[in-house]
Protein backbone atom coordinates (compact mmCIF):
# COMPACT_ATOMS: atom_id res chain seq x y z
CA MET A 1 93.73 116.83 80.48
CA SER A 2 93.18 118.28 83.90
CA SER A 3 95.30 120.90 85.55
CA THR A 4 96.75 118.19 87.77
CA ASN A 5 99.67 116.05 86.70
CA ASP A 6 99.53 113.11 84.31
CA THR A 7 98.71 110.60 87.03
CA THR A 8 95.07 111.52 86.54
CA GLN A 9 92.88 112.94 83.83
CA THR A 10 89.69 114.96 83.95
CA THR A 11 87.19 115.50 81.17
CA GLY A 12 83.61 116.67 81.00
CA ALA A 13 81.59 119.63 82.18
CA THR A 14 80.90 120.74 85.73
CA GLY A 15 79.11 119.37 88.79
CA GLU A 16 77.58 115.94 88.46
CA ASP A 17 78.36 115.90 84.71
CA GLN A 18 82.12 115.83 85.27
CA ILE A 19 84.00 112.65 84.38
CA PHE A 20 87.25 111.98 86.23
CA GLU A 21 89.76 109.30 85.31
CA TRP A 22 92.04 107.84 87.95
CA HIS A 23 95.18 105.75 87.44
CA PRO A 24 96.37 104.91 90.97
CA ILE A 25 98.34 101.93 89.69
CA ASP A 26 100.82 104.40 88.18
CA LEU A 27 101.78 105.56 91.68
CA ILE A 28 102.93 102.09 92.72
CA ARG A 29 104.01 100.63 89.40
CA GLU A 30 107.56 99.21 89.31
CA TYR A 31 109.37 100.84 86.43
CA GLU A 32 112.52 99.73 84.69
CA PRO A 33 114.80 102.81 84.93
CA GLN A 34 115.68 103.21 81.25
CA LYS A 35 112.29 102.09 80.02
CA LYS A 36 110.51 104.47 82.37
CA GLN A 37 112.40 107.45 81.02
CA HIS A 38 111.80 106.37 77.41
CA ASP A 39 108.10 105.77 77.96
CA GLN A 40 107.61 109.08 79.77
CA GLN A 41 109.21 110.93 76.89
CA ASN A 42 106.95 109.20 74.40
CA GLY A 43 103.82 109.45 76.56
CA GLN A 44 103.33 105.70 76.47
CA LEU A 45 103.47 102.69 78.76
CA GLN A 46 104.08 99.13 77.61
CA ASN A 47 102.05 96.37 79.20
CA SER A 48 104.69 93.73 79.87
CA SER A 49 102.15 90.90 80.02
CA ASN A 50 100.76 91.25 76.50
CA GLY A 51 102.75 93.97 74.76
CA ALA A 52 99.75 96.33 74.60
CA THR A 53 100.49 100.04 74.62
CA THR A 54 98.47 102.69 76.43
CA THR A 55 98.72 106.42 75.90
CA HIS A 56 98.64 107.21 79.62
CA LYS A 57 101.91 108.12 81.27
CA PRO A 58 102.73 108.57 84.98
CA GLY A 59 102.83 112.12 86.27
CA ARG A 60 104.86 113.97 88.82
CA PHE A 61 103.79 113.48 92.42
CA ALA A 62 105.10 114.48 95.83
CA LEU A 63 105.35 112.27 98.90
CA VAL A 64 104.63 113.43 102.47
CA VAL A 65 105.61 111.17 105.37
CA LEU A 66 103.65 111.76 108.59
CA ASN A 67 104.67 110.87 112.11
CA GLN A 68 103.40 107.29 112.21
CA PRO A 69 105.47 104.07 112.37
CA LEU A 70 106.18 102.83 108.85
CA THR A 71 104.95 99.38 107.85
CA HIS A 72 104.64 97.62 104.47
CA LEU A 73 108.08 98.90 103.51
CA GLY A 74 107.94 97.30 100.07
CA LEU A 75 105.08 99.61 99.12
CA VAL A 76 106.65 102.60 100.89
CA LYS A 77 109.89 102.13 98.96
CA ARG A 78 108.00 101.80 95.68
CA LEU A 79 106.21 105.09 96.34
CA TRP A 80 109.47 106.72 97.41
CA LYS A 81 111.22 105.64 94.23
CA ASN A 82 108.43 106.94 91.99
CA ALA A 83 108.02 110.31 93.76
CA SER A 84 109.70 113.44 92.42
CA ILE A 85 109.67 115.33 95.75
CA ARG A 86 109.89 113.74 99.22
CA VAL A 87 108.98 115.62 102.40
CA ALA A 88 108.75 114.55 106.04
CA ALA A 89 106.28 116.34 108.29
CA ASP A 90 108.33 116.89 111.45
CA GLY A 91 108.47 113.52 113.28
CA GLY A 92 107.87 111.70 110.02
CA ALA A 93 111.62 112.02 109.54
CA ASN A 94 112.13 110.01 112.75
CA CYS A 95 110.04 107.20 111.24
CA LEU A 96 112.25 107.13 108.13
CA TYR A 97 115.38 107.11 110.28
CA ASP A 98 114.03 104.35 112.55
CA VAL A 99 113.35 101.89 109.72
CA ALA A 100 116.37 102.71 107.56
CA GLY A 101 119.10 105.18 108.50
CA MET A 102 119.55 103.80 112.00
CA ASN A 103 120.14 100.39 110.44
CA GLY A 104 122.59 101.49 107.76
CA ASP A 105 119.96 101.51 105.00
CA HIS A 106 120.39 104.64 102.86
CA TYR A 107 117.22 104.20 100.79
CA PHE A 108 115.52 107.29 102.22
CA ASP A 109 118.57 109.56 102.32
CA ASP A 110 117.37 111.70 99.40
CA LEU A 111 114.73 113.40 101.55
CA THR A 112 113.93 116.84 100.13
CA ALA A 113 112.88 118.59 103.34
CA ILE A 114 111.76 118.20 106.95
CA ILE A 115 108.98 120.68 107.71
CA GLY A 116 107.03 121.65 110.82
CA ASP A 117 107.37 123.16 114.26
CA LEU A 118 110.06 120.50 114.79
CA ASP A 119 108.96 119.68 118.33
CA SER A 120 109.08 115.96 117.49
CA LEU A 121 112.29 115.86 115.43
CA THR A 122 115.05 114.14 117.38
CA THR A 123 118.65 115.31 117.42
CA GLU A 124 119.79 111.98 115.96
CA THR A 125 117.39 112.26 113.04
CA ARG A 126 118.27 115.88 112.32
CA THR A 127 121.97 115.08 112.34
CA TYR A 128 121.51 112.07 110.10
CA PHE A 129 119.57 113.84 107.36
CA THR A 130 121.79 116.91 107.37
CA THR A 131 124.92 114.80 106.94
CA HIS A 132 123.77 111.80 104.87
CA SER A 133 121.94 113.41 101.97
CA SER A 134 122.66 111.52 98.77
CA SER A 135 124.69 114.35 97.23
CA SER A 136 125.88 117.86 98.05
CA GLN A 137 123.35 119.21 95.55
CA THR A 138 120.40 117.63 97.36
CA LYS A 139 120.95 118.31 101.04
CA THR A 140 117.84 117.80 103.13
CA ALA A 141 116.37 121.20 104.05
CA ILE A 142 115.21 121.75 107.63
CA ILE A 143 112.29 124.19 107.57
CA HIS A 144 111.03 125.48 110.91
CA ASP A 145 107.47 126.81 110.85
CA PRO A 146 106.23 127.66 114.37
CA ASN A 147 102.64 128.47 113.32
CA GLN A 148 100.39 126.73 115.86
CA TYR A 149 97.27 127.24 113.74
CA SER A 150 98.49 124.80 111.09
CA THR A 151 99.43 121.14 111.42
CA ASP A 152 102.77 119.82 110.22
CA PHE A 153 100.80 118.06 107.48
CA GLY A 154 99.34 121.41 106.42
CA LYS A 155 102.75 123.08 106.45
CA SER A 156 104.10 120.34 104.20
CA VAL A 157 101.27 120.82 101.71
CA ASP A 158 101.79 124.60 101.73
CA TYR A 159 105.46 124.03 100.94
CA LEU A 160 104.70 121.67 98.07
CA ARG A 161 102.19 124.08 96.58
CA GLY A 162 104.36 127.14 97.17
CA PRO A 163 107.10 128.79 95.10
CA SER A 164 109.82 126.44 96.36
CA CYS A 165 108.29 123.50 94.50
CA SER A 166 106.05 124.98 91.83
CA LYS A 167 106.84 126.82 88.62
CA PRO A 168 104.66 129.23 86.64
CA ASP A 169 102.42 127.52 84.08
CA THR A 170 103.25 124.11 85.55
CA PRO A 171 100.51 121.99 87.17
CA LEU A 172 100.90 121.45 90.89
CA PRO A 173 101.96 117.91 91.76
CA ASP A 174 99.57 115.37 93.15
CA ILE A 175 100.41 114.47 96.75
CA ILE A 176 100.59 111.06 98.41
CA VAL A 177 100.51 111.07 102.20
CA ILE A 178 101.98 108.13 104.09
CA GLY A 179 100.58 107.39 107.55
CA GLY A 180 97.85 108.95 109.62
CA LEU A 181 95.20 106.22 109.91
CA GLY A 182 97.00 103.74 112.11
CA GLY A 183 97.27 105.73 115.34
CA ARG A 184 94.86 107.78 117.46
CA VAL A 185 91.30 108.15 116.20
CA ASP A 186 91.38 111.96 116.34
CA GLN A 187 94.57 112.02 114.26
CA GLY A 188 93.08 109.64 111.71
CA LEU A 189 89.95 111.76 111.38
CA SER A 190 92.17 114.82 111.01
CA GLN A 191 93.88 113.27 107.99
CA LEU A 192 90.52 112.51 106.38
CA HIS A 193 89.47 116.08 107.13
CA HIS A 194 92.57 117.31 105.31
CA LEU A 195 91.63 115.36 102.19
CA TYR A 196 88.59 117.64 101.98
CA LEU A 197 90.39 120.77 103.19
CA PHE A 198 93.19 120.62 100.62
CA GLN A 199 90.94 119.74 97.66
CA SER A 200 88.28 122.43 97.68
CA SER A 201 88.23 122.86 93.90
CA PRO A 202 85.49 120.81 92.18
CA SER A 203 88.03 119.95 89.45
CA TYR A 204 91.10 119.24 91.63
CA ALA A 205 92.76 122.42 90.34
CA ASP A 206 95.45 122.26 93.05
CA GLY A 207 96.30 118.63 92.39
CA ARG A 208 94.90 115.44 93.82
CA MET A 209 95.73 113.87 97.16
CA TYR A 210 95.99 110.22 98.18
CA LEU A 211 96.26 108.84 101.70
CA PHE A 212 98.34 105.67 101.97
CA SER A 213 97.86 103.83 105.26
CA GLY A 214 99.93 100.73 104.58
CA GLU A 215 96.98 98.45 103.87
CA SER A 216 94.85 100.78 101.75
CA LEU A 217 94.80 103.80 99.46
CA THR A 218 92.14 106.46 100.10
CA PHE A 219 91.20 109.46 97.96
CA LEU A 220 88.37 111.95 97.57
CA LEU A 221 85.80 111.59 94.81
CA LYS A 222 84.25 114.94 93.95
CA SER A 223 80.69 115.22 92.69
CA GLY A 224 80.59 113.54 89.27
CA THR A 225 81.49 110.24 87.62
CA HIS A 226 84.81 108.57 88.43
CA LYS A 227 86.50 105.84 86.42
CA ILE A 228 89.14 104.22 88.61
CA ARG A 229 91.56 101.80 86.94
CA VAL A 230 92.26 99.01 89.41
CA ARG A 231 93.95 96.58 87.00
CA GLU A 232 96.21 96.92 84.00
CA PRO A 233 94.55 96.32 80.61
CA GLY A 234 94.35 92.61 79.89
CA GLN A 235 95.10 91.54 83.47
CA ALA A 236 91.60 90.74 84.68
CA ASN A 237 91.31 87.33 86.35
CA LYS A 238 95.07 87.29 86.98
CA PRO A 239 95.28 87.79 90.75
CA GLU A 240 99.05 87.34 90.81
CA LYS A 241 99.32 90.59 88.80
CA ASP A 242 97.05 92.65 91.05
CA VAL A 243 98.31 95.68 92.95
CA PHE A 244 95.02 96.11 94.80
CA ALA A 245 93.15 93.62 96.94
CA LYS A 246 89.42 93.21 96.46
CA TRP A 247 88.02 95.28 99.36
CA VAL A 248 86.48 98.68 98.61
CA GLY A 249 84.62 101.28 100.65
CA ILE A 250 82.73 104.43 99.60
CA LEU A 251 82.32 106.72 102.60
CA PRO A 252 80.11 109.86 102.77
CA VAL A 253 82.13 111.49 105.53
CA LYS A 254 81.20 115.14 104.96
CA GLU A 255 77.53 114.91 104.01
CA PRO A 256 74.91 112.51 102.62
CA SER A 257 75.18 111.52 98.97
CA ARG A 258 73.60 109.28 96.36
CA ILE A 259 75.85 106.88 94.50
CA TRP A 260 75.89 104.55 91.49
CA THR A 261 78.62 101.91 91.03
CA LYS A 262 79.82 99.49 88.34
CA GLY A 263 82.39 96.71 88.65
CA LEU A 264 81.74 95.75 92.28
CA GLU A 265 80.22 92.55 93.65
CA TRP A 266 77.37 94.55 95.18
CA ASP A 267 76.70 97.38 92.76
CA VAL A 268 74.10 100.02 93.59
CA GLU A 269 71.99 102.52 91.65
CA ASP A 270 70.75 105.85 92.97
CA TRP A 271 71.61 104.60 96.45
CA PRO A 272 71.35 107.04 99.39
CA THR A 273 74.33 106.87 101.74
CA GLU A 274 75.18 108.72 104.94
CA PHE A 275 76.61 108.22 108.42
CA GLY A 276 73.85 106.77 110.55
CA GLY A 277 72.20 105.36 107.43
CA GLN A 278 73.51 103.13 104.64
CA MET A 279 77.21 102.91 103.82
CA SER A 280 79.09 100.83 101.26
CA THR A 281 81.92 99.16 103.17
CA SER A 282 83.72 95.84 102.60
CA ASN A 283 82.47 95.69 99.03
CA HIS A 284 84.51 93.62 96.55
CA VAL A 285 86.05 94.39 93.17
CA LEU A 286 85.00 91.63 90.79
CA PRO A 287 87.83 89.47 89.38
CA GLU A 288 86.98 90.57 85.82
CA THR A 289 86.84 94.30 86.61
CA GLU A 290 89.58 96.54 85.24
CA VAL A 291 87.87 99.88 85.90
CA VAL A 292 85.56 100.60 88.83
CA GLU A 293 83.02 103.32 88.07
CA VAL A 294 81.47 105.46 90.80
CA ARG A 295 79.01 108.26 90.27
CA THR A 296 78.27 110.46 93.27
CA THR A 297 76.13 113.52 93.88
CA ARG A 298 78.38 114.78 96.71
CA ASP A 299 82.01 114.35 97.74
CA VAL A 300 82.76 110.89 99.13
CA LEU A 301 85.91 109.04 100.16
CA PHE A 302 86.93 106.01 98.10
CA THR A 303 89.19 103.49 99.78
CA ILE A 304 90.66 100.32 98.30
CA ALA A 305 92.85 97.69 99.94
CA LEU A 306 96.42 97.14 98.77
CA ARG A 307 98.32 93.91 98.38
CA ASP A 308 101.65 93.84 100.18
CA ILE A 309 104.74 93.70 97.96
């Protein structure tokens, strides 16, 4: 087991010999409240389609909402429900208020904190979240950090990895970031830059990070072999059960790499990839594939399309 939470597992040695297991379905899975608690305690998940039991259980993860208009609210609400900590980076709180609180929807009231220089936070949003928290024990904290050498995204990550949210001898939570790729190009590139910046450890020692952009989920594959579960066991060739759509990209944003893939329509072996050269974009997950395997010699971004729910 890795030092991250139970959402992912890491085994193997170092460098290119490392083997990483990914279970992104767990982030978006719809759990039955009582069953979820029972299964987490027993370290098991039941496959409702065929009764099969796996030994993998969902782990603790934190949610960061950036200052981008929220779309695909079904997926956003699923992520919100499954998260253990929920933070808005400054104007991200406005986005939550605009789609819910303003309209009398209290789904996002249990926001843990609003963090940043607060130059984008409106008076209406601040008032709402300081008076409509779901209970007196969970009032939304307003944390002003005026540091101009850090983005509001960075301040949120520092908070989640700091003493307010972490305990000794407890793995840091994985982090899902909502928004960031649907607005200005420089802001989108900044979010991709942060996926590298906040995951400098070759073994994800500080937790893993996922970028949710409404239509896709993007995460960083470190040097090594990655086994990414894209379908539940026994649900191949059942498109109505899929969480992910078929489109996949493997992007060598930081530096050139060589990659090997299994489970895609156009698999490659020892394939050089770089900006200005070859890149694997708009590839397809095969209908029979449950686990996509990617081996890479350098860090690359993996992105997969999501079905709307």
